[in-house]
Amino acid sequence: MVGDDAEPGAEGEDAREAIIHRLHEGERLGRIGGVLVLHSPDYSGQSTISVGNSWGLTSTLDVLKDIAGGKGPAKWLAALGYTGWGAGQLEGEMTRHGWQTAPGDAALLFDTALDRRWPAAFGTLGIDVSHLSAVAGRA
């Protein structure tokens, strides 16, 4: 879920509904009882972890209550659930080119529509996703 506080004009129940309809659901491998919210550094709650000077990560429901009440971060992305990796698993996947990393960019995360985020992230690296193929071959 990506947001700029609540929907314009949304108050009370309407704001809560706007939040609920915009939640990202994580993988079913690791369900958690709360929520993970990546957000702009203008907000700090009881469980907020500062990620550099660019982001905050909050894992309690208080952040959603604050967002619904108009007291939350200006920019946010929320997800329920997560997937974890075993020791060395992520590093191994990255070594085998299973992941592509891109520079952290607030506009990409918070201002780009979800269906445009993946191609936009590749675009920051000069890669046009229309040229990617799921089929490998030999030259």
N, C-alpha and C. Protein backbone atom coordinates (compact mmCIF):
# COMPACT_ATOMS: atom_id res chain seq x y z
N MET A 1 0.85 -1.15 0.00
CA MET A 1 0.00 0.00 0.00
C MET A 1 0.90 1.21 0.00
N VAL A 2 0.65 2.11 -0.86
CA VAL A 2 1.41 3.34 -0.91
C VAL A 2 0.44 4.46 -0.65
N GLY A 3 0.85 5.44 0.12
CA GLY A 3 -0.11 6.49 0.39
C GLY A 3 0.50 7.81 0.74
N ASP A 4 -0.30 8.81 0.57
CA ASP A 4 -0.05 10.15 1.05
C ASP A 4 -1.15 10.37 2.07
N ASP A 5 -0.89 9.99 3.32
CA ASP A 5 -1.91 10.00 4.37
C ASP A 5 -3.18 9.36 3.83
N ALA A 6 -4.34 9.83 4.23
CA ALA A 6 -5.59 9.24 3.78
C ALA A 6 -6.01 9.85 2.45
N GLU A 7 -6.99 9.25 1.83
CA GLU A 7 -7.53 9.78 0.59
C GLU A 7 -8.05 11.20 0.84
N PRO A 8 -7.98 12.08 -0.16
CA PRO A 8 -8.51 13.43 0.03
C PRO A 8 -9.97 13.39 0.45
N GLY A 9 -10.29 14.12 1.50
CA GLY A 9 -11.66 14.20 1.98
C GLY A 9 -12.09 13.01 2.82
N ALA A 10 -11.23 12.00 2.96
CA ALA A 10 -11.60 10.83 3.74
C ALA A 10 -11.39 11.10 5.22
N GLU A 11 -12.40 10.77 6.02
CA GLU A 11 -12.29 10.96 7.46
C GLU A 11 -12.87 9.74 8.15
N GLY A 12 -12.40 9.46 9.37
CA GLY A 12 -12.94 8.37 10.17
C GLY A 12 -12.95 7.05 9.46
N GLU A 13 -14.13 6.44 9.35
CA GLU A 13 -14.27 5.13 8.72
C GLU A 13 -13.82 5.15 7.27
N ASP A 14 -14.08 6.24 6.55
CA ASP A 14 -13.67 6.33 5.15
C ASP A 14 -12.15 6.24 5.04
N ALA A 15 -11.42 6.90 5.94
CA ALA A 15 -9.96 6.85 5.92
C ALA A 15 -9.48 5.44 6.21
N ARG A 16 -10.11 4.77 7.18
CA ARG A 16 -9.72 3.39 7.51
C ARG A 16 -9.96 2.48 6.31
N GLU A 17 -11.09 2.63 5.64
CA GLU A 17 -11.39 1.82 4.46
C GLU A 17 -10.38 2.08 3.35
N ALA A 18 -9.98 3.33 3.16
CA ALA A 18 -8.99 3.66 2.13
C ALA A 18 -7.68 2.95 2.43
N ILE A 19 -7.29 2.88 3.69
CA ILE A 19 -6.06 2.20 4.07
C ILE A 19 -6.19 0.70 3.83
N ILE A 20 -7.27 0.10 4.28
CA ILE A 20 -7.46 -1.34 4.15
C ILE A 20 -7.45 -1.77 2.69
N HIS A 21 -8.05 -1.00 1.81
CA HIS A 21 -8.12 -1.37 0.40
C HIS A 21 -6.79 -1.20 -0.33
N ARG A 22 -5.80 -0.57 0.32
CA ARG A 22 -4.53 -0.32 -0.34
C ARG A 22 -3.38 -1.09 0.30
N LEU A 23 -3.65 -2.08 1.12
CA LEU A 23 -2.60 -2.88 1.75
C LEU A 23 -2.02 -3.88 0.76
N HIS A 24 -0.69 -4.03 0.79
CA HIS A 24 -0.02 -5.09 0.04
C HIS A 24 -0.01 -6.32 0.93
N GLU A 25 -0.27 -7.48 0.36
CA GLU A 25 -0.19 -8.71 1.12
C GLU A 25 1.11 -9.40 0.77
N GLY A 26 1.90 -9.70 1.79
CA GLY A 26 3.17 -10.38 1.58
C GLY A 26 2.98 -11.86 1.34
N GLU A 27 4.09 -12.55 1.17
CA GLU A 27 4.05 -13.99 0.96
C GLU A 27 3.43 -14.68 2.16
N ARG A 28 2.81 -15.80 1.92
CA ARG A 28 2.15 -16.54 3.00
C ARG A 28 3.14 -17.35 3.84
N LEU A 29 4.41 -17.30 3.49
CA LEU A 29 5.41 -18.05 4.23
C LEU A 29 5.64 -17.50 5.62
N GLY A 30 5.46 -16.24 5.80
CA GLY A 30 5.76 -15.64 7.09
C GLY A 30 4.72 -14.64 7.50
N ARG A 31 3.60 -15.08 7.99
CA ARG A 31 2.55 -14.16 8.41
C ARG A 31 2.94 -13.57 9.76
N ILE A 32 2.70 -12.31 9.92
CA ILE A 32 2.98 -11.65 11.19
C ILE A 32 1.68 -11.06 11.71
N GLY A 33 1.65 -10.78 12.99
CA GLY A 33 0.44 -10.25 13.59
C GLY A 33 0.24 -8.77 13.33
N GLY A 34 1.24 -8.09 12.85
CA GLY A 34 1.14 -6.66 12.65
C GLY A 34 1.30 -6.27 11.20
N VAL A 35 1.90 -5.13 11.01
CA VAL A 35 2.06 -4.57 9.68
C VAL A 35 3.47 -4.00 9.58
N LEU A 36 4.04 -4.03 8.40
CA LEU A 36 5.32 -3.38 8.15
C LEU A 36 5.05 -2.16 7.29
N VAL A 37 5.47 -1.00 7.75
CA VAL A 37 5.25 0.23 7.01
C VAL A 37 6.60 0.89 6.75
N LEU A 38 6.97 0.99 5.48
CA LEU A 38 8.15 1.74 5.06
C LEU A 38 7.65 3.15 4.79
N HIS A 39 8.30 4.14 5.36
CA HIS A 39 7.75 5.49 5.26
C HIS A 39 8.82 6.57 5.24
N SER A 40 8.36 7.77 4.95
CA SER A 40 9.24 8.94 4.95
C SER A 40 9.74 9.18 6.38
N PRO A 41 10.90 9.83 6.52
CA PRO A 41 11.50 10.00 7.85
C PRO A 41 10.83 11.05 8.73
N ASP A 42 9.71 11.61 8.31
CA ASP A 42 9.02 12.63 9.09
C ASP A 42 8.16 12.04 10.20
N TYR A 43 8.15 10.72 10.35
CA TYR A 43 7.32 10.06 11.36
C TYR A 43 8.20 9.13 12.19
N SER A 44 7.92 9.09 13.48
CA SER A 44 8.60 8.14 14.36
C SER A 44 7.61 7.64 15.38
N GLY A 45 7.40 6.33 15.40
CA GLY A 45 6.50 5.70 16.35
C GLY A 45 7.30 4.85 17.33
N GLN A 46 6.58 4.09 18.16
CA GLN A 46 7.25 3.33 19.22
C GLN A 46 8.17 2.24 18.70
N SER A 47 7.94 1.74 17.49
CA SER A 47 8.81 0.68 16.96
C SER A 47 9.56 1.10 15.70
N THR A 48 9.60 2.40 15.42
CA THR A 48 10.23 2.87 14.19
C THR A 48 11.74 2.65 14.22
N ILE A 49 12.24 2.09 13.14
CA ILE A 49 13.68 1.93 12.94
C ILE A 49 14.07 2.89 11.82
N SER A 50 15.09 3.70 12.07
CA SER A 50 15.58 4.62 11.04
C SER A 50 16.46 3.83 10.08
N VAL A 51 16.19 3.98 8.79
CA VAL A 51 16.98 3.31 7.76
C VAL A 51 17.74 4.42 7.04
N GLY A 52 18.99 4.62 7.45
CA GLY A 52 19.74 5.75 6.94
C GLY A 52 19.02 7.02 7.34
N ASN A 53 19.13 8.03 6.54
CA ASN A 53 18.37 9.26 6.77
C ASN A 53 17.21 9.38 5.80
N SER A 54 16.98 8.32 5.03
CA SER A 54 16.00 8.38 3.95
C SER A 54 14.66 7.76 4.27
N TRP A 55 14.61 6.78 5.16
CA TRP A 55 13.40 6.01 5.38
C TRP A 55 13.20 5.72 6.86
N GLY A 56 12.00 5.35 7.20
CA GLY A 56 11.69 4.79 8.50
C GLY A 56 10.94 3.49 8.25
N LEU A 57 11.06 2.55 9.17
CA LEU A 57 10.33 1.29 9.08
C LEU A 57 9.64 1.08 10.42
N THR A 58 8.32 1.00 10.40
CA THR A 58 7.54 0.86 11.62
C THR A 58 6.71 -0.40 11.53
N SER A 59 6.68 -1.16 12.64
CA SER A 59 6.03 -2.47 12.60
C SER A 59 4.88 -2.62 13.59
N THR A 60 4.34 -1.53 14.08
CA THR A 60 3.18 -1.64 14.97
C THR A 60 1.96 -1.02 14.31
N LEU A 61 0.79 -1.43 14.78
CA LEU A 61 -0.45 -0.91 14.21
C LEU A 61 -0.66 0.56 14.49
N ASP A 62 0.09 1.12 15.45
CA ASP A 62 -0.04 2.54 15.77
C ASP A 62 0.16 3.41 14.53
N VAL A 63 1.06 3.01 13.65
CA VAL A 63 1.33 3.83 12.47
C VAL A 63 0.09 3.90 11.58
N LEU A 64 -0.67 2.81 11.46
CA LEU A 64 -1.90 2.85 10.65
C LEU A 64 -2.95 3.73 11.31
N LYS A 65 -3.03 3.66 12.64
CA LYS A 65 -3.97 4.53 13.35
C LYS A 65 -3.59 5.99 13.15
N ASP A 66 -2.29 6.28 13.20
CA ASP A 66 -1.83 7.65 12.99
C ASP A 66 -2.09 8.11 11.56
N ILE A 67 -1.89 7.22 10.59
CA ILE A 67 -2.18 7.56 9.19
C ILE A 67 -3.67 7.88 9.05
N ALA A 68 -4.52 7.01 9.60
CA ALA A 68 -5.97 7.22 9.50
C ALA A 68 -6.40 8.51 10.20
N GLY A 69 -5.67 8.87 11.27
CA GLY A 69 -6.00 10.08 12.01
C GLY A 69 -5.32 11.33 11.49
N GLY A 70 -4.59 11.21 10.39
CA GLY A 70 -3.92 12.37 9.81
C GLY A 70 -2.64 12.77 10.52
N LYS A 71 -2.09 11.87 11.37
CA LYS A 71 -0.87 12.18 12.11
C LYS A 71 0.29 11.28 11.70
N GLY A 72 0.13 10.53 10.63
CA GLY A 72 1.15 9.58 10.21
C GLY A 72 2.18 10.22 9.30
N PRO A 73 3.04 9.39 8.71
CA PRO A 73 4.05 9.90 7.78
C PRO A 73 3.41 10.47 6.52
N ALA A 74 4.11 11.40 5.89
CA ALA A 74 3.60 12.00 4.66
C ALA A 74 3.55 10.97 3.53
N LYS A 75 4.54 10.10 3.47
CA LYS A 75 4.62 9.07 2.42
C LYS A 75 4.79 7.72 3.10
N TRP A 76 4.10 6.71 2.59
CA TRP A 76 4.20 5.39 3.22
C TRP A 76 3.81 4.27 2.27
N LEU A 77 4.33 3.09 2.58
CA LEU A 77 4.04 1.87 1.86
C LEU A 77 3.87 0.80 2.93
N ALA A 78 2.76 0.10 2.94
CA ALA A 78 2.49 -0.87 4.01
C ALA A 78 2.25 -2.26 3.44
N ALA A 79 2.69 -3.27 4.19
CA ALA A 79 2.51 -4.66 3.77
C ALA A 79 2.18 -5.53 4.98
N LEU A 80 1.33 -6.50 4.76
CA LEU A 80 1.04 -7.53 5.75
C LEU A 80 1.74 -8.80 5.30
N GLY A 81 2.48 -9.43 6.19
CA GLY A 81 3.20 -10.65 5.84
C GLY A 81 4.57 -10.33 5.27
N TYR A 82 5.39 -11.33 5.21
CA TYR A 82 6.74 -11.16 4.70
C TYR A 82 7.31 -12.52 4.35
N THR A 83 8.41 -12.52 3.67
CA THR A 83 9.16 -13.74 3.41
C THR A 83 10.55 -13.54 3.98
N GLY A 84 11.04 -14.50 4.71
CA GLY A 84 12.38 -14.41 5.26
C GLY A 84 13.32 -15.34 4.51
N TRP A 85 14.59 -15.16 4.72
CA TRP A 85 15.60 -15.99 4.08
C TRP A 85 16.44 -16.67 5.16
N GLY A 86 16.92 -17.85 4.85
CA GLY A 86 17.86 -18.53 5.74
C GLY A 86 19.23 -17.88 5.62
N ALA A 87 20.12 -18.24 6.52
CA ALA A 87 21.48 -17.69 6.51
C ALA A 87 22.14 -17.91 5.16
N GLY A 88 22.58 -16.83 4.52
CA GLY A 88 23.27 -16.91 3.24
C GLY A 88 22.39 -17.10 2.02
N GLN A 89 21.10 -17.34 2.22
CA GLN A 89 20.21 -17.62 1.09
C GLN A 89 20.08 -16.42 0.15
N LEU A 90 19.82 -15.24 0.69
CA LEU A 90 19.66 -14.06 -0.15
C LEU A 90 20.96 -13.74 -0.90
N GLU A 91 22.08 -13.83 -0.20
CA GLU A 91 23.37 -13.58 -0.85
C GLU A 91 23.60 -14.55 -2.01
N GLY A 92 23.23 -15.82 -1.80
CA GLY A 92 23.36 -16.82 -2.86
C GLY A 92 22.48 -16.50 -4.05
N GLU A 93 21.25 -16.09 -3.78
CA GLU A 93 20.34 -15.73 -4.87
C GLU A 93 20.86 -14.53 -5.63
N MET A 94 21.44 -13.57 -4.92
CA MET A 94 21.99 -12.39 -5.60
C MET A 94 23.22 -12.76 -6.43
N THR A 95 24.05 -13.66 -5.92
CA THR A 95 25.23 -14.11 -6.65
C THR A 95 24.83 -14.80 -7.96
N ARG A 96 23.70 -15.51 -7.93
CA ARG A 96 23.20 -16.21 -9.12
C ARG A 96 22.32 -15.29 -9.98
N HIS A 97 22.34 -14.01 -9.69
CA HIS A 97 21.58 -13.00 -10.44
C HIS A 97 20.07 -13.23 -10.36
N GLY A 98 19.61 -13.72 -9.21
CA GLY A 98 18.19 -13.92 -8.99
C GLY A 98 17.47 -12.63 -8.62
N TRP A 99 18.23 -11.60 -8.29
CA TRP A 99 17.69 -10.30 -7.91
C TRP A 99 18.41 -9.21 -8.67
N GLN A 100 17.73 -8.15 -8.95
CA GLN A 100 18.35 -6.96 -9.53
C GLN A 100 18.12 -5.83 -8.53
N THR A 101 19.17 -5.15 -8.14
CA THR A 101 19.02 -4.04 -7.20
C THR A 101 19.02 -2.72 -7.96
N ALA A 102 18.37 -1.74 -7.38
CA ALA A 102 18.32 -0.40 -7.95
C ALA A 102 18.51 0.59 -6.81
N PRO A 103 18.96 1.79 -7.12
CA PRO A 103 19.13 2.79 -6.06
C PRO A 103 17.81 3.09 -5.35
N GLY A 104 17.89 3.34 -4.03
CA GLY A 104 16.71 3.73 -3.28
C GLY A 104 16.21 5.09 -3.76
N ASP A 105 14.95 5.19 -4.06
CA ASP A 105 14.39 6.41 -4.63
C ASP A 105 12.98 6.60 -4.06
N ALA A 106 12.81 7.64 -3.25
CA ALA A 106 11.51 7.89 -2.62
C ALA A 106 10.40 8.08 -3.66
N ALA A 107 10.68 8.79 -4.74
CA ALA A 107 9.66 9.01 -5.76
C ALA A 107 9.23 7.69 -6.40
N LEU A 108 10.19 6.80 -6.62
CA LEU A 108 9.87 5.49 -7.19
C LEU A 108 8.98 4.69 -6.24
N LEU A 109 9.32 4.67 -4.97
CA LEU A 109 8.55 3.89 -4.00
C LEU A 109 7.18 4.48 -3.69
N PHE A 110 7.13 5.78 -3.49
CA PHE A 110 5.92 6.38 -2.96
C PHE A 110 5.05 7.08 -4.00
N ASP A 111 5.62 7.49 -5.12
CA ASP A 111 4.86 8.28 -6.08
C ASP A 111 4.59 7.56 -7.40
N THR A 112 5.17 6.39 -7.58
CA THR A 112 4.99 5.64 -8.83
C THR A 112 3.94 4.57 -8.61
N ALA A 113 2.98 4.49 -9.52
CA ALA A 113 1.92 3.48 -9.41
C ALA A 113 2.54 2.09 -9.34
N LEU A 114 1.91 1.20 -8.58
CA LEU A 114 2.44 -0.14 -8.36
C LEU A 114 2.74 -0.86 -9.67
N ASP A 115 1.88 -0.77 -10.65
CA ASP A 115 2.10 -1.48 -11.91
C ASP A 115 3.22 -0.86 -12.75
N ARG A 116 3.70 0.32 -12.38
CA ARG A 116 4.80 0.97 -13.11
C ARG A 116 6.12 0.91 -12.34
N ARG A 117 6.07 0.46 -11.09
CA ARG A 117 7.25 0.49 -10.23
C ARG A 117 8.37 -0.41 -10.74
N TRP A 118 8.04 -1.63 -11.13
CA TRP A 118 9.06 -2.58 -11.59
C TRP A 118 9.78 -2.06 -12.83
N PRO A 119 9.05 -1.68 -13.90
CA PRO A 119 9.76 -1.15 -15.07
C PRO A 119 10.49 0.16 -14.77
N ALA A 120 9.94 0.98 -13.88
CA ALA A 120 10.60 2.24 -13.53
C ALA A 120 11.91 1.98 -12.79
N ALA A 121 11.93 0.97 -11.92
CA ALA A 121 13.16 0.63 -11.20
C ALA A 121 14.24 0.17 -12.19
N PHE A 122 13.88 -0.66 -13.13
CA PHE A 122 14.84 -1.07 -14.16
C PHE A 122 15.27 0.13 -14.99
N GLY A 123 14.35 1.05 -15.24
CA GLY A 123 14.66 2.24 -16.01
C GLY A 123 15.74 3.09 -15.36
N THR A 124 15.79 3.11 -14.01
CA THR A 124 16.84 3.88 -13.33
C THR A 124 18.22 3.31 -13.64
N LEU A 125 18.27 2.07 -14.11
CA LEU A 125 19.53 1.41 -14.46
C LEU A 125 19.77 1.43 -15.96
N GLY A 126 18.88 2.10 -16.70
CA GLY A 126 19.02 2.16 -18.15
C GLY A 126 18.54 0.91 -18.85
N ILE A 127 17.69 0.12 -18.18
CA ILE A 127 17.20 -1.13 -18.76
C ILE A 127 15.73 -0.97 -19.14
N ASP A 128 15.41 -1.28 -20.38
CA ASP A 128 14.03 -1.27 -20.86
C ASP A 128 13.49 -2.69 -20.69
N VAL A 129 12.49 -2.87 -19.82
CA VAL A 129 11.99 -4.21 -19.52
C VAL A 129 11.36 -4.89 -20.73
N SER A 130 10.98 -4.12 -21.73
CA SER A 130 10.41 -4.76 -22.92
C SER A 130 11.46 -5.55 -23.68
N HIS A 131 12.73 -5.35 -23.35
CA HIS A 131 13.81 -6.09 -24.00
C HIS A 131 14.24 -7.32 -23.20
N LEU A 132 13.61 -7.56 -22.05
CA LEU A 132 13.93 -8.73 -21.25
C LEU A 132 13.17 -9.94 -21.77
N SER A 133 13.74 -11.11 -21.56
CA SER A 133 13.11 -12.35 -22.01
C SER A 133 13.17 -13.38 -20.89
N ALA A 134 12.15 -14.19 -20.79
CA ALA A 134 12.14 -15.28 -19.83
C ALA A 134 12.81 -16.52 -20.40
N VAL A 135 13.24 -16.45 -21.65
CA VAL A 135 13.85 -17.59 -22.33
C VAL A 135 15.33 -17.31 -22.52
N ALA A 136 16.15 -18.27 -22.16
CA ALA A 136 17.60 -18.14 -22.36
C ALA A 136 18.00 -18.90 -23.61
N GLY A 137 19.10 -18.52 -24.18
CA GLY A 137 19.58 -19.20 -25.37
C GLY A 137 21.09 -19.11 -25.46
N ARG A 138 21.62 -19.55 -26.58
CA ARG A 138 23.06 -19.47 -26.81
C ARG A 138 23.31 -18.76 -28.13
N ALA A 139 24.35 -17.99 -28.12
CA ALA A 139 24.70 -17.28 -29.36
C ALA A 139 25.82 -18.02 -30.07
